[in-house]
Protein backbone atom coordinates (compact mmCIF):
# COMPACT_ATOMS: atom_id res chain seq x y z
CA MET A 1 88.84 107.00 83.12
CA ALA A 2 87.35 106.82 79.66
CA ASP A 3 89.54 105.29 76.97
CA ILE A 4 91.71 108.01 75.43
CA ARG A 5 93.62 107.33 72.24
CA ARG A 6 97.29 108.39 72.33
CA LYS A 7 99.83 108.69 69.54
CA ILE A 8 102.57 107.18 71.68
CA TYR A 9 100.82 103.81 71.31
CA ASP A 10 101.98 103.57 67.69
CA ARG A 11 105.55 104.32 68.74
CA MET A 12 105.30 101.55 71.34
CA LEU A 13 104.12 99.16 68.64
CA GLU A 14 107.08 100.16 66.49
CA TRP A 15 109.44 99.41 69.41
CA LYS A 16 107.88 95.97 70.01
CA ARG A 17 108.06 94.94 66.36
CA ARG A 18 111.53 96.35 65.74
CA ASP A 19 113.45 95.37 68.88
CA ARG A 20 111.73 92.06 69.68
CA GLY A 21 112.95 92.05 73.26
CA ALA A 22 116.39 93.55 72.53
CA SER A 23 115.60 96.60 74.68
CA ALA A 24 113.29 97.68 77.47
CA LEU A 25 110.90 100.55 76.76
CA LEU A 26 111.26 103.47 79.18
CA ILE A 27 108.39 105.99 79.19
CA ASP A 28 109.32 109.24 80.90
CA GLY A 29 106.82 111.98 81.63
CA ALA A 30 105.25 114.25 84.21
CA ARG A 31 103.00 112.88 86.89
CA ARG A 32 99.41 112.24 85.71
CA VAL A 33 100.31 112.44 82.03
CA GLY A 34 99.00 108.91 81.41
CA LYS A 35 102.15 106.75 81.48
CA SER A 36 100.75 103.92 83.62
CA TYR A 37 97.48 103.89 81.71
CA ILE A 38 99.10 103.58 78.28
CA ALA A 39 101.61 100.98 79.46
CA GLU A 40 98.88 98.73 80.85
CA LYS A 41 96.61 99.29 77.86
CA PHE A 42 99.46 98.31 75.55
CA ALA A 43 100.40 95.20 77.54
CA ARG A 44 96.78 94.06 77.76
CA SER A 45 96.28 94.39 74.00
CA GLU A 46 99.64 93.25 72.63
CA TYR A 47 100.62 90.32 74.90
CA ARG A 48 99.10 87.08 76.09
CA SER A 49 99.71 88.09 79.71
CA TYR A 50 101.36 90.87 81.69
CA ILE A 51 102.37 91.74 85.23
CA LEU A 52 102.21 95.33 86.43
CA ILE A 53 104.44 96.12 89.40
CA ASP A 54 103.60 99.54 90.83
CA PHE A 55 106.71 100.35 92.86
CA ALA A 56 104.91 103.24 94.55
CA LYS A 57 102.61 100.68 96.21
CA ALA A 58 104.47 97.36 95.99
CA PRO A 59 105.44 95.81 99.34
CA GLN A 60 109.08 95.75 100.31
CA THR A 61 109.15 91.99 99.81
CA ILE A 62 108.58 92.53 96.07
CA LYS A 63 111.20 95.28 95.83
CA ASP A 64 113.69 93.05 97.65
CA LEU A 65 113.36 90.38 94.96
CA PHE A 66 115.31 92.58 92.55
CA ASP A 67 118.25 92.50 94.95
CA LYS A 68 118.06 89.08 96.58
CA ASP A 69 117.04 87.04 93.51
CA ALA A 70 118.94 89.04 90.88
CA ASP A 71 121.27 86.08 90.30
CA ASP A 72 118.45 83.57 89.80
CA LEU A 73 116.01 84.88 87.22
CA ASP A 74 114.04 81.60 87.16
CA LEU A 75 113.28 82.08 90.84
CA LEU A 76 112.54 85.78 90.36
CA PHE A 77 110.03 85.13 87.60
CA GLY A 78 108.45 82.28 89.55
CA LYS A 79 107.91 84.46 92.63
CA LEU A 80 106.47 87.34 90.60
CA SER A 81 104.14 84.98 88.73
CA ALA A 82 102.94 83.44 91.98
CA TYR A 83 102.49 86.76 93.83
CA TYR A 84 100.50 88.41 91.03
CA GLY A 85 98.68 85.21 90.05
CA THR A 86 99.67 85.59 86.40
CA PRO A 87 101.37 82.96 84.21
CA LEU A 88 104.26 84.19 82.10
CA HIS A 89 104.67 83.04 78.51
CA GLU A 90 108.04 83.19 76.81
CA ARG A 91 108.14 85.99 74.18
CA ASP A 92 104.46 86.69 74.74
CA SER A 93 104.37 88.34 78.16
CA ALA A 94 105.33 91.79 79.40
CA LEU A 95 106.45 93.05 82.80
CA ILE A 96 105.60 96.66 83.58
CA PHE A 97 107.82 98.43 86.11
CA ASP A 98 105.55 101.31 87.04
CA GLU A 99 107.16 104.28 88.86
CA VAL A 100 110.50 102.52 88.39
CA GLN A 101 112.36 105.40 90.04
CA MET A 102 110.97 104.08 93.34
CA CYS A 103 113.00 100.87 92.94
CA PRO A 104 116.44 101.67 91.46
CA SER A 105 117.57 98.05 91.79
CA ALA A 106 114.80 96.95 89.41
CA ARG A 107 115.97 99.47 86.82
CA GLN A 108 119.56 98.34 87.17
CA LEU A 109 118.50 94.71 86.66
CA VAL A 110 116.91 95.60 83.30
CA LYS A 111 120.26 95.01 81.58
CA TYR A 112 120.22 91.34 82.59
CA LEU A 113 116.49 90.88 82.10
CA VAL A 114 116.83 92.05 78.50
CA GLN A 115 119.83 89.80 77.97
CA ASP A 116 117.77 86.87 79.30
CA GLY A 117 115.29 87.60 76.51
CA ARG A 118 112.25 85.69 77.74
CA TYR A 119 109.89 88.64 78.17
CA ASP A 120 109.40 92.28 77.21
CA TYR A 121 109.81 95.09 79.75
CA ILE A 122 108.09 98.47 79.94
CA GLU A 123 109.28 101.00 82.50
CA THR A 124 107.42 104.15 83.44
CA GLY A 125 108.61 106.93 85.67
CA SER A 126 109.05 110.55 86.57
CA LEU A 127 112.12 112.40 87.80
CA LEU A 128 114.21 109.56 86.39
CA THR A 129 117.44 111.55 86.22
CA LEU A 130 117.40 112.95 89.75
CA LYS A 131 120.54 111.96 91.63
CA GLN A 132 118.59 110.36 94.47
CA ASN A 133 116.77 108.12 91.99
CA VAL A 134 119.90 106.81 90.28
CA ARG A 135 122.35 106.85 93.16
CA ASP A 136 124.56 103.75 93.38
CA ILE A 137 123.11 102.06 90.28
CA VAL A 138 124.36 101.56 86.75
CA ILE A 139 121.86 102.98 84.26
CA PRO A 140 121.15 100.27 81.67
CA SER A 141 122.02 101.10 78.07
CA GLU A 142 119.35 98.63 76.92
CA GLU A 143 116.54 101.18 77.36
CA GLU A 144 114.56 102.70 74.47
CA HIS A 145 113.55 106.11 75.84
CA LEU A 146 110.19 107.69 74.94
CA GLU A 147 108.99 110.99 76.36
CA MET A 148 105.27 111.28 76.98
CA PHE A 149 103.54 114.66 76.95
CA PRO A 150 100.00 115.88 77.61
CA LEU A 151 97.50 115.37 74.78
CA ASP A 152 98.13 117.51 71.72
CA PHE A 153 95.27 119.19 69.86
CA GLU A 154 94.66 116.21 67.57
CA GLU A 155 94.46 113.81 70.53
CA PHE A 156 92.09 116.26 72.24
CA LEU A 157 89.81 116.20 69.20
CA TRP A 158 89.96 112.39 69.18
CA ALA A 159 88.72 112.45 72.78
CA LEU A 160 85.79 114.60 71.62
CA GLY A 161 85.02 112.08 68.86
CA ASP A 162 86.51 114.08 65.97
CA GLU A 163 88.96 112.16 63.76
CA THR A 164 88.44 114.05 60.49
CA THR A 165 89.40 117.66 61.21
CA ILE A 166 93.19 117.34 61.48
CA PRO A 167 93.68 115.39 58.19
CA PHE A 168 91.59 118.05 56.43
CA LEU A 169 93.65 120.85 58.02
CA LYS A 170 96.90 119.17 57.04
CA GLU A 171 95.89 119.31 53.39
CA ARG A 172 95.00 123.00 53.78
CA PHE A 173 98.31 123.75 55.49
CA ASP A 174 100.35 121.89 52.87
CA THR A 175 98.66 123.84 50.07
CA LEU A 176 98.42 127.11 52.06
CA THR A 177 94.72 127.26 51.32
CA PRO A 178 92.30 129.12 53.63
CA VAL A 179 89.99 126.94 55.71
CA GLY A 180 86.97 129.16 55.24
CA GLN A 181 85.31 131.52 57.69
CA ALA A 182 82.65 129.23 59.15
CA LEU A 183 84.87 126.19 59.62
CA HIS A 184 87.77 128.30 60.90
CA ARG A 185 85.50 129.81 63.54
CA LYS A 186 84.41 126.34 64.69
CA ILE A 187 87.98 124.96 64.88
CA MET A 188 89.24 128.04 66.72
CA ASN A 189 86.43 127.48 69.20
CA ASP A 190 87.65 123.89 69.65
CA PHE A 191 91.22 125.13 70.06
CA ARG A 192 90.11 127.61 72.71
CA GLN A 193 88.51 124.74 74.60
CA TYR A 194 91.77 122.82 74.27
CA MET A 195 93.77 125.72 75.69
CA LEU A 196 91.43 125.97 78.67
CA VAL A 197 91.12 122.26 79.47
CA GLY A 198 94.67 121.32 78.48
CA GLY A 199 95.94 117.85 77.74
CA MET A 200 96.14 116.06 81.07
CA PRO A 201 94.16 112.84 80.41
CA GLN A 202 92.00 112.94 83.54
CA ALA A 203 90.96 116.54 82.88
CA VAL A 204 90.22 115.79 79.22
CA ALA A 205 88.16 112.71 80.11
CA ALA A 206 86.13 114.73 82.61
CA TYR A 207 85.50 117.47 80.05
CA ALA A 208 84.77 115.19 77.10
CA GLY A 209 81.73 113.67 78.77
CA ASN A 210 79.55 116.76 79.13
CA LYS A 211 81.80 119.81 78.47
CA ASP A 212 82.14 120.46 82.19
CA PHE A 213 84.92 123.03 82.65
CA ALA A 214 84.38 123.09 86.41
CA GLN A 215 85.07 119.37 86.84
CA ALA A 216 88.16 119.60 84.65
CA ASP A 217 89.36 122.55 86.72
CA ARG A 218 88.97 120.60 89.97
CA ILE A 219 91.09 117.78 88.54
CA LYS A 220 93.76 120.22 87.41
CA LYS A 221 93.92 121.75 90.88
CA ARG A 222 94.54 118.28 92.32
CA ILE A 223 97.35 117.74 89.81
CA LEU A 224 98.94 121.08 90.74
CA ASN A 225 98.76 120.11 94.41
CA LEU A 226 100.41 116.79 93.57
CA TYR A 227 103.26 118.64 91.85
CA ARG A 228 103.75 120.81 94.92
CA GLU A 229 103.88 117.71 97.11
CA ASP A 230 106.55 116.26 94.82
CA VAL A 231 108.63 119.39 95.29
CA SER A 232 108.62 118.92 99.06
CA LYS A 233 109.61 115.25 98.66
CA PHE A 234 112.17 115.36 95.87
CA ALA A 235 113.66 118.87 95.84
CA ARG A 236 114.87 118.91 99.40
CA GLY A 237 117.46 121.55 100.07
CA TYR A 238 116.21 123.92 97.40
CA GLU A 239 112.45 123.39 97.49
CA SER A 240 111.80 127.03 98.41
CA ARG A 241 113.47 128.15 95.18
CA VAL A 242 111.48 125.62 93.13
CA TYR A 243 108.23 126.86 94.72
CA ALA A 244 109.22 130.48 94.03
CA ILE A 245 109.91 129.83 90.33
CA PHE A 246 106.83 127.65 89.87
CA ASP A 247 104.41 130.07 91.54
CA GLU A 248 105.73 133.01 89.52
CA ILE A 249 105.33 131.39 86.07
CA PRO A 250 101.92 132.99 85.25
CA GLY A 251 103.22 136.41 86.28
CA GLN A 252 106.34 136.07 84.15
CA LEU A 253 104.41 134.87 81.08
CA SER A 254 101.95 137.75 81.36
CA LYS A 255 104.79 140.18 80.57
CA LYS A 256 105.32 141.34 77.02
CA ASP A 257 108.55 139.45 76.26
CA LYS A 258 107.75 136.41 78.49
CA LYS A 259 111.37 136.11 79.68
CA TYR A 260 111.82 134.88 83.24
CA ARG A 261 113.34 137.63 85.39
CA LEU A 262 114.72 136.39 88.69
CA THR A 263 114.74 139.92 90.08
CA SER A 264 110.97 139.53 90.50
CA LEU A 265 111.75 136.92 93.17
CA ASN A 266 114.66 138.71 94.77
CA LYS A 267 116.45 141.84 93.56
CA LYS A 268 119.78 140.19 94.35
CA ALA A 269 118.91 136.80 92.83
CA ARG A 270 121.45 135.25 90.46
CA PHE A 271 120.85 132.46 87.93
CA ARG A 272 123.47 130.18 89.48
CA GLU A 273 121.52 130.24 92.76
CA TYR A 274 118.32 129.10 91.02
CA GLU A 275 119.78 126.89 88.31
CA ASP A 276 119.07 123.64 90.19
CA ALA A 277 115.45 124.70 90.68
CA PHE A 278 114.96 125.35 86.94
CA VAL A 279 116.60 122.01 86.13
CA TRP A 280 114.36 120.19 88.62
CA LEU A 281 111.16 121.60 87.09
CA SER A 282 112.40 120.75 83.60
CA GLU A 283 113.41 117.18 84.52
CA ALA A 284 110.06 116.68 86.23
CA MET A 285 108.57 117.73 82.87
CA ILE A 286 106.34 120.20 84.69
CA VAL A 287 107.67 123.09 82.62
CA ASN A 288 108.95 123.58 79.08
CA THR A 289 112.09 125.70 79.15
CA CYS A 290 112.80 127.88 76.11
CA VAL A 291 116.34 129.28 75.90
CA ASN A 292 117.83 132.13 73.95
CA ALA A 293 119.86 131.09 70.86
CA THR A 294 122.21 134.04 70.50
CA ASP A 295 123.61 133.06 67.10
CA PRO A 296 121.22 130.89 65.07
CA THR A 297 123.69 130.70 62.18
CA VAL A 298 125.90 128.24 64.06
CA GLY A 299 123.11 126.01 65.32
CA LEU A 300 120.56 126.51 68.04
CA SER A 301 122.10 124.28 70.70
CA LEU A 302 125.61 125.62 70.12
CA SER A 303 124.64 129.22 70.88
CA ARG A 304 122.13 128.72 73.69
CA ASP A 305 122.22 131.05 76.69
CA HIS A 306 120.57 129.36 79.66
CA THR A 307 120.70 132.53 81.74
CA THR A 308 118.10 134.07 79.41
CA GLN A 309 115.09 131.82 79.18
CA LYS A 310 111.33 131.57 79.16
CA CYS A 311 109.56 129.10 81.41
CA TYR A 312 106.29 127.77 79.99
CA MET A 313 103.98 125.34 81.75
CA ALA A 314 104.13 121.90 80.13
CA ASP A 315 100.33 121.88 80.02
CA THR A 316 98.42 125.01 79.06
CA GLY A 317 95.29 123.90 80.93
CA LEU A 318 97.34 123.73 84.13
CA LEU A 319 98.63 127.25 83.42
CA VAL A 320 95.06 128.53 83.14
CA THR A 321 94.14 126.93 86.47
CA GLN A 322 97.38 128.01 88.16
CA THR A 323 96.83 131.63 87.14
CA PHE A 324 93.80 131.84 89.42
CA VAL A 325 94.53 128.79 91.55
CA ASP A 326 93.02 130.27 94.71
CA ASP A 327 89.76 131.22 92.99
CA SER A 328 86.82 129.03 92.14
CA PHE A 329 86.27 128.09 88.52
CA ALA A 330 83.45 130.63 88.29
CA ASP A 331 85.89 133.42 89.26
CA ASN A 332 88.58 132.46 86.75
CA ARG A 333 88.45 135.31 84.25
CA LEU A 334 90.65 133.51 81.74
CA TYR A 335 87.88 131.05 80.95
CA ARG A 336 85.45 133.81 80.04
CA ASP A 337 88.00 135.93 78.18
CA ILE A 338 89.28 133.09 76.02
CA LEU A 339 85.91 131.49 75.32
CA PHE A 340 84.43 134.80 74.23
CA ASP A 341 87.49 135.91 72.23
CA LYS A 342 88.42 138.90 74.38
CA ILE A 343 91.94 139.79 73.28
CA ASN A 344 94.20 140.81 76.15
CA VAL A 345 97.66 140.09 77.55
CA ASN A 346 96.43 137.03 79.41
CA GLU A 347 95.13 135.41 76.26
CA GLY A 348 98.45 136.12 74.56
CA MET A 349 100.19 134.32 77.41
CA VAL A 350 97.97 131.26 76.98
CA MET A 351 98.32 131.21 73.19
CA GLU A 352 102.12 131.31 73.33
CA ASN A 353 102.18 128.62 76.01
CA ALA A 354 99.96 126.41 73.84
CA VAL A 355 102.35 126.79 70.90
CA ALA A 356 105.32 125.92 73.15
CA GLN A 357 103.44 122.83 74.35
CA THR A 358 102.64 121.82 70.76
CA PHE A 359 106.26 122.20 69.64
CA ARG A 360 107.59 120.12 72.55
CA SER A 361 105.03 117.38 71.88
CA ALA A 362 106.21 117.31 68.26
CA GLY A 363 109.80 116.74 69.40
CA HIS A 364 111.20 120.26 69.05
CA LYS A 365 113.60 121.67 71.60
CA LEU A 366 112.51 125.20 72.47
CA PHE A 367 114.58 128.21 71.46
CA PHE A 368 113.88 131.89 70.93
CA TYR A 369 115.96 134.85 69.74
CA SER A 370 116.40 138.04 71.69
CA ARG A 371 118.72 140.92 71.00
CA ALA A 372 118.47 144.28 72.72
CA ASP A 373 120.12 147.31 71.14
CA THR A 374 118.68 150.62 72.29
CA ASP A 375 121.25 152.63 70.31
CA HIS A 376 120.51 150.91 67.02
CA ARG A 377 116.84 149.99 66.91
CA GLU A 378 117.31 148.10 63.65
CA ASN A 379 119.24 145.48 65.64
CA HIS A 380 116.61 145.15 68.38
CA MET A 381 114.67 141.88 67.80
CA GLU A 382 112.46 139.43 69.69
CA ILE A 383 111.45 136.18 67.95
CA ASP A 384 109.13 133.94 69.96
CA PHE A 385 110.37 130.56 68.67
CA LEU A 386 113.08 129.14 66.44
CA ILE A 387 112.42 125.63 65.16
CA ARG A 388 114.12 123.26 62.76
CA ARG A 389 112.02 122.40 59.74
CA ASP A 390 113.29 120.79 56.54
CA ARG A 391 116.86 121.11 57.90
CA LYS A 392 116.60 124.88 58.19
CA ILE A 393 115.91 127.22 61.09
CA CYS A 394 112.46 128.79 60.87
CA PRO A 395 111.42 131.82 62.94
CA VAL A 396 107.91 131.70 64.42
CA GLU A 397 105.96 134.59 65.92
CA VAL A 398 102.74 134.19 67.92
CA LYS A 399 100.35 137.09 67.46
CA SER A 400 96.87 138.15 68.45
CA ALA A 401 94.23 138.74 65.80
CA ALA A 402 94.64 142.50 66.25
CA TYR A 403 98.32 142.67 65.28
CA ARG A 404 99.31 144.91 62.37
CA LYS A 405 103.00 144.22 61.68
CA HIS A 406 105.85 141.81 62.39
CA SER A 407 108.87 144.10 62.38
CA SER A 408 111.09 141.78 64.46
CA LEU A 409 110.41 138.92 62.08
CA ASP A 410 111.22 141.09 59.06
CA LYS A 411 114.49 142.31 60.61
CA PHE A 412 115.46 138.78 61.60
CA MET A 413 114.76 137.41 58.13
CA ASN A 414 116.82 140.22 56.55
CA LYS A 415 119.73 139.84 58.98
CA PHE A 416 120.08 136.11 58.40
CA ARG A 417 118.90 136.07 54.81
CA GLY A 418 119.83 132.92 52.91
CA ARG A 419 120.38 130.87 56.05
CA LEU A 420 116.78 130.48 57.16
CA GLY A 421 113.74 128.52 56.15
CA GLN A 422 110.18 129.84 55.96
CA GLY A 423 109.03 132.50 58.41
CA TYR A 424 105.69 131.93 60.17
CA VAL A 425 103.12 133.93 62.10
CA LEU A 426 100.68 131.89 64.18
CA TYR A 427 97.53 133.80 65.04
CA PRO A 428 93.75 133.34 65.51
CA LYS A 429 92.87 134.05 61.86
CA ASP A 430 92.70 131.92 58.70
CA VAL A 431 95.59 130.94 56.42
CA MET A 432 97.24 133.78 54.54
CA VAL A 433 100.58 134.38 52.81
CA LYS A 434 101.73 137.98 52.89
CA ASP A 435 105.14 139.46 52.06
CA GLY A 436 106.66 135.99 51.97
CA VAL A 437 105.49 135.16 55.51
CA VAL A 438 103.06 132.28 56.09
CA HIS A 439 100.25 133.28 58.44
CA ALA A 440 98.55 130.20 59.89
CA PRO A 441 95.89 129.67 62.54
CA LEU A 442 97.15 128.69 65.98
CA TYR A 443 95.68 125.23 65.60
CA MET A 444 98.01 124.60 62.63
CA SER A 445 101.07 124.83 64.89
CA ILE A 446 100.73 121.05 65.09
CA PHE A 447 102.10 120.82 61.53
CA LEU A 448 105.33 122.76 62.10
């Protein structure tokens, strides 16, 4: 895979310089998001030597070392050095525990490895909080936890060789200055490509070479198949419910309000019956769950209602492929519609998913606001996202270029007047401020 620059690398550098061996770095993320690649790239560049132990492939004799030799670290290090043919240098070597969930005893030993202090440790994994992956072990408190997400729009542009656009856009966003028609059209075209390809590193690398959507689509189908295989392995006992929720995501997002309705799976379905399935998909970081904050004046987390939620795909490119997963690339209408700016409900689904993905990558937890009141229409409101910005809650609406009004946003701002920050509309047009609401292009969601 071609070298792809990732922002998480700088955060890893910060950890190394700050902690100096006082903690192990744990990188959590979905399968195929690039955890192993970035861990090895970092160790190769920042240390004199490193050993990568892939617990998905390591022989049982290596896994057994973390039980049998746990009391003799000198012997443990000597055996690992000999097996992998790599000398270890005190305070200048790293050990990578790749897919650490496959060897719980190695994760438990991290506490004592960190206390020993000779080397640095980088753990990577998926499904790290599943009961079967932490059963009978004590989770070490000496872990610095980093979440890794698919590439954001800036990283996607880096992969295409563009390192100047985002700094320029940041200045325009900060000053609320229009980008200009010609440049806006070009960047929206880039953002449409980003929505279609997504941010999974293998798909981006395949596309960056010669703009081959078909090759990227084939890679994304393989990733979706891998996720389905993981369900059968790690969601035993409720895998049918996980499959049902996962397969229905495109259909749910294509609806006007995007809320996940379990009655589409079974008219008698109840949230408590499917709760474990939603949690599994969220912990696998395959989806981004967005929950209803019923009273944003008391804090988003304090008023969340998990029974009313939206379920976005963690990667928008995977959503595009999943929507027509049984069709060939040539038959996937979303590619044509989005590339040629045909506004329809499907494009709205993809745009909103891309904003959700951007917000999660930026560290936001996802919340929305929904209140139904058929008797008093002035109280009926739907706000796509609520985010914290400058210590205040900011409502965000995602709109198509054809929209004419934002009545829910206006009602929300009036209802909670004085308690909110800036209101935003993200849409496919250039920067504009109207009636106190900041209208910004979709690609500027990266700055919120």
